[in-house]
Amino acid sequence: MILSCGRVFCLRFGLHKCFIEKRVYAKPERAAMRRSKLELYEDILTALADKHLTVDAIAYTCSMECFALRQRLEFLLENGLVEEKHYQKKTRYALTRRGLAIYKTLSLTRHLEKLQINMKKISETLQDLPSLSETNVEKAKSEKRNKNY
């Protein structure tokens, strides 16, 4: 097996497996849009939430270029959200307590936004339901009249 840029290649069987998941967007138009700085920082924090990663692994997970990623990491390092850890000639990045707290806050905010959107859809549906129930009542009345004749 050969380990290369976040992927494992098995030469014997010709198999290809990714061991790092890329972020997949639900809507196709979302993937085409340019991400804001906050979204980029959020992607980096999300990638680092589970484990310590190298720059290449973070870049692959976040679908970013290494140069842009290093600039974002420097900002996160200066503000105490991410820390460098050196393991066997490799530099890995990990979240600090402060970074983990901000990550949790951002994920909670994202979750609340989804709930808000779902609540709007539910309320719109509930407003449409009385009109449906009125039509059902009218149909029942007309069926009763038809049975009487």
Protein backbone atom coordinates (compact mmCIF):
# COMPACT_ATOMS: atom_id res chain seq x y z
CA MET A 1 0.00 0.00 0.00
CA ILE A 2 1.09 3.54 -0.69
CA LEU A 3 -0.07 6.48 1.40
CA SER A 4 -0.44 9.67 -0.60
CA CYS A 5 -2.18 12.99 0.20
CA GLY A 6 -4.98 11.60 2.34
CA ARG A 7 -5.76 8.57 0.19
CA VAL A 8 -4.82 4.91 0.39
CA PHE A 9 -3.97 3.11 -2.84
CA CYS A 10 -3.80 -0.65 -2.94
CA LEU A 11 -1.64 -1.57 -5.91
CA ARG A 12 -2.35 -5.29 -5.71
CA PHE A 13 -6.11 -5.07 -6.24
CA GLY A 14 -6.37 -1.62 -7.80
CA LEU A 15 -8.66 -0.42 -5.03
CA HIS A 16 -8.92 3.19 -3.96
CA LYS A 17 -10.30 4.23 -0.57
CA CYS A 18 -10.45 7.64 1.03
CA PHE A 19 -9.88 7.71 4.76
CA ILE A 20 -10.80 11.36 5.14
CA GLU A 21 -14.31 12.47 4.22
CA LYS A 22 -14.75 15.56 2.13
CA ARG A 23 -17.53 17.93 3.01
CA VAL A 24 -20.45 17.41 0.63
CA TYR A 25 -22.98 20.16 0.16
CA ALA A 26 -26.66 19.32 -0.12
CA LYS A 27 -27.51 21.76 -2.88
CA PRO A 28 -25.53 21.83 -6.14
CA GLU A 29 -25.68 25.62 -6.36
CA ARG A 30 -24.11 25.84 -2.88
CA ALA A 31 -20.99 24.03 -4.08
CA ALA A 32 -20.57 26.51 -6.96
CA MET A 33 -20.79 29.57 -4.70
CA ARG A 34 -17.69 31.07 -3.16
CA ARG A 35 -17.42 30.39 0.56
CA SER A 36 -17.10 33.23 3.03
CA LYS A 37 -14.23 33.52 5.50
CA LEU A 38 -16.48 32.39 8.33
CA GLU A 39 -17.45 29.27 6.37
CA LEU A 40 -13.79 28.53 5.66
CA TYR A 41 -12.88 28.87 9.35
CA GLU A 42 -15.88 26.75 10.26
CA ASP A 43 -14.75 24.03 7.82
CA ILE A 44 -11.27 24.03 9.37
CA LEU A 45 -12.65 23.81 12.90
CA THR A 46 -14.98 20.99 11.83
CA ALA A 47 -12.08 19.06 10.31
CA LEU A 48 -10.03 19.46 13.48
CA ALA A 49 -12.89 18.66 15.89
CA ASP A 50 -12.33 14.90 15.82
CA LYS A 51 -8.58 14.46 15.45
CA HIS A 52 -5.20 16.10 14.91
CA LEU A 53 -4.47 16.65 11.20
CA THR A 54 -1.63 17.83 8.99
CA VAL A 55 -1.99 20.74 6.59
CA ASP A 56 -2.45 18.37 3.64
CA ALA A 57 -5.19 16.41 5.38
CA ILE A 58 -7.03 19.60 6.38
CA ALA A 59 -6.72 20.98 2.85
CA TYR A 60 -8.17 17.79 1.41
CA THR A 61 -11.02 17.67 3.92
CA CYS A 62 -11.93 21.34 3.43
CA SER A 63 -11.32 21.41 -0.34
CA MET A 64 -8.88 24.30 0.00
CA GLU A 65 -5.48 25.12 -1.41
CA CYS A 66 -2.60 24.72 1.02
CA PHE A 67 -1.47 28.34 0.66
CA ALA A 68 -4.90 29.74 1.57
CA LEU A 69 -5.23 27.18 4.34
CA ARG A 70 -1.91 28.23 5.91
CA GLN A 71 -3.13 31.84 6.05
CA ARG A 72 -6.35 30.75 7.78
CA LEU A 73 -4.39 28.53 10.19
CA GLU A 74 -2.07 31.42 11.10
CA PHE A 75 -5.11 33.52 12.02
CA LEU A 76 -6.53 30.68 14.12
CA LEU A 77 -3.15 30.19 15.81
CA GLU A 78 -2.83 33.90 16.64
CA ASN A 79 -6.28 33.89 18.23
CA GLY A 80 -5.67 30.76 20.27
CA LEU A 81 -8.24 28.52 18.56
CA VAL A 82 -5.76 26.05 17.10
CA GLU A 83 -2.40 24.79 18.36
CA GLU A 84 0.55 23.15 16.62
CA LYS A 85 1.75 19.77 17.82
CA HIS A 86 4.93 18.19 16.53
CA TYR A 87 4.95 14.42 16.01
CA GLN A 88 7.91 12.65 14.35
CA LYS A 89 8.97 15.39 11.94
CA LYS A 90 5.34 16.27 11.15
CA THR A 91 3.36 19.25 12.31
CA ARG A 92 -0.21 18.47 13.18
CA TYR A 93 -2.89 20.93 14.19
CA ALA A 94 -5.45 20.48 16.96
CA LEU A 95 -8.22 22.53 18.51
CA THR A 96 -7.68 24.23 21.84
CA ARG A 97 -10.43 24.46 24.44
CA ARG A 98 -11.35 27.87 23.11
CA GLY A 99 -11.45 26.53 19.55
CA LEU A 100 -13.63 23.62 20.60
CA ALA A 101 -16.05 25.99 22.36
CA ILE A 102 -16.33 28.16 19.25
CA TYR A 103 -16.79 25.07 17.07
CA LYS A 104 -19.64 23.88 19.30
CA THR A 105 -21.23 27.33 19.21
CA LEU A 106 -21.05 27.47 15.41
CA SER A 107 -22.48 23.97 15.04
CA LEU A 108 -25.30 24.81 17.47
CA THR A 109 -26.05 27.98 15.50
CA ARG A 110 -26.13 26.01 12.25
CA HIS A 111 -28.49 23.48 13.87
CA LEU A 112 -30.79 26.25 15.14
CA GLU A 113 -30.92 27.81 11.67
CA LYS A 114 -32.03 24.47 10.22
CA LEU A 115 -34.71 24.20 12.91
CA GLN A 116 -35.91 27.72 12.14
CA ILE A 117 -36.24 26.89 8.44
CA ASN A 118 -38.14 23.69 9.28
CA MET A 119 -40.46 25.59 11.63
CA LYS A 120 -41.29 28.06 8.87
CA LYS A 121 -42.12 25.19 6.52
CA ILE A 122 -44.30 23.56 9.16
CA SER A 123 -46.18 26.78 9.89
CA GLU A 124 -46.79 27.33 6.17
CA THR A 125 -48.09 23.79 5.87
CA LEU A 126 -50.35 24.24 8.89
CA GLN A 127 -51.82 27.37 7.35
CA ASP A 128 -52.70 25.37 4.24
CA LEU A 129 -54.25 22.52 6.23
CA PRO A 130 -57.41 24.36 7.40
CA SER A 131 -58.31 25.08 3.80
CA LEU A 132 -57.89 21.39 3.04
CA SER A 133 -60.04 20.38 5.98
CA GLU A 134 -62.73 22.86 4.86
CA THR A 135 -62.80 21.28 1.42
CA ASN A 136 -63.08 17.85 3.05
CA VAL A 137 -66.06 19.06 5.13
CA GLU A 138 -67.72 20.47 2.02
CA LYS A 139 -67.17 17.18 0.17
CA ALA A 140 -68.68 15.25 3.08
CA LYS A 141 -71.73 17.53 3.04
CA SER A 142 -72.17 17.13 -0.70
CA GLU A 143 -71.87 13.34 -0.39
CA LYS A 144 -74.53 13.37 2.35
CA ARG A 145 -76.83 15.37 0.07
CA ASN A 146 -76.23 12.95 -2.77
CA LYS A 147 -77.09 9.98 -0.54
CA ASN A 148 -80.33 11.64 0.54
CA TYR A 149 -81.54 12.03 -3.06
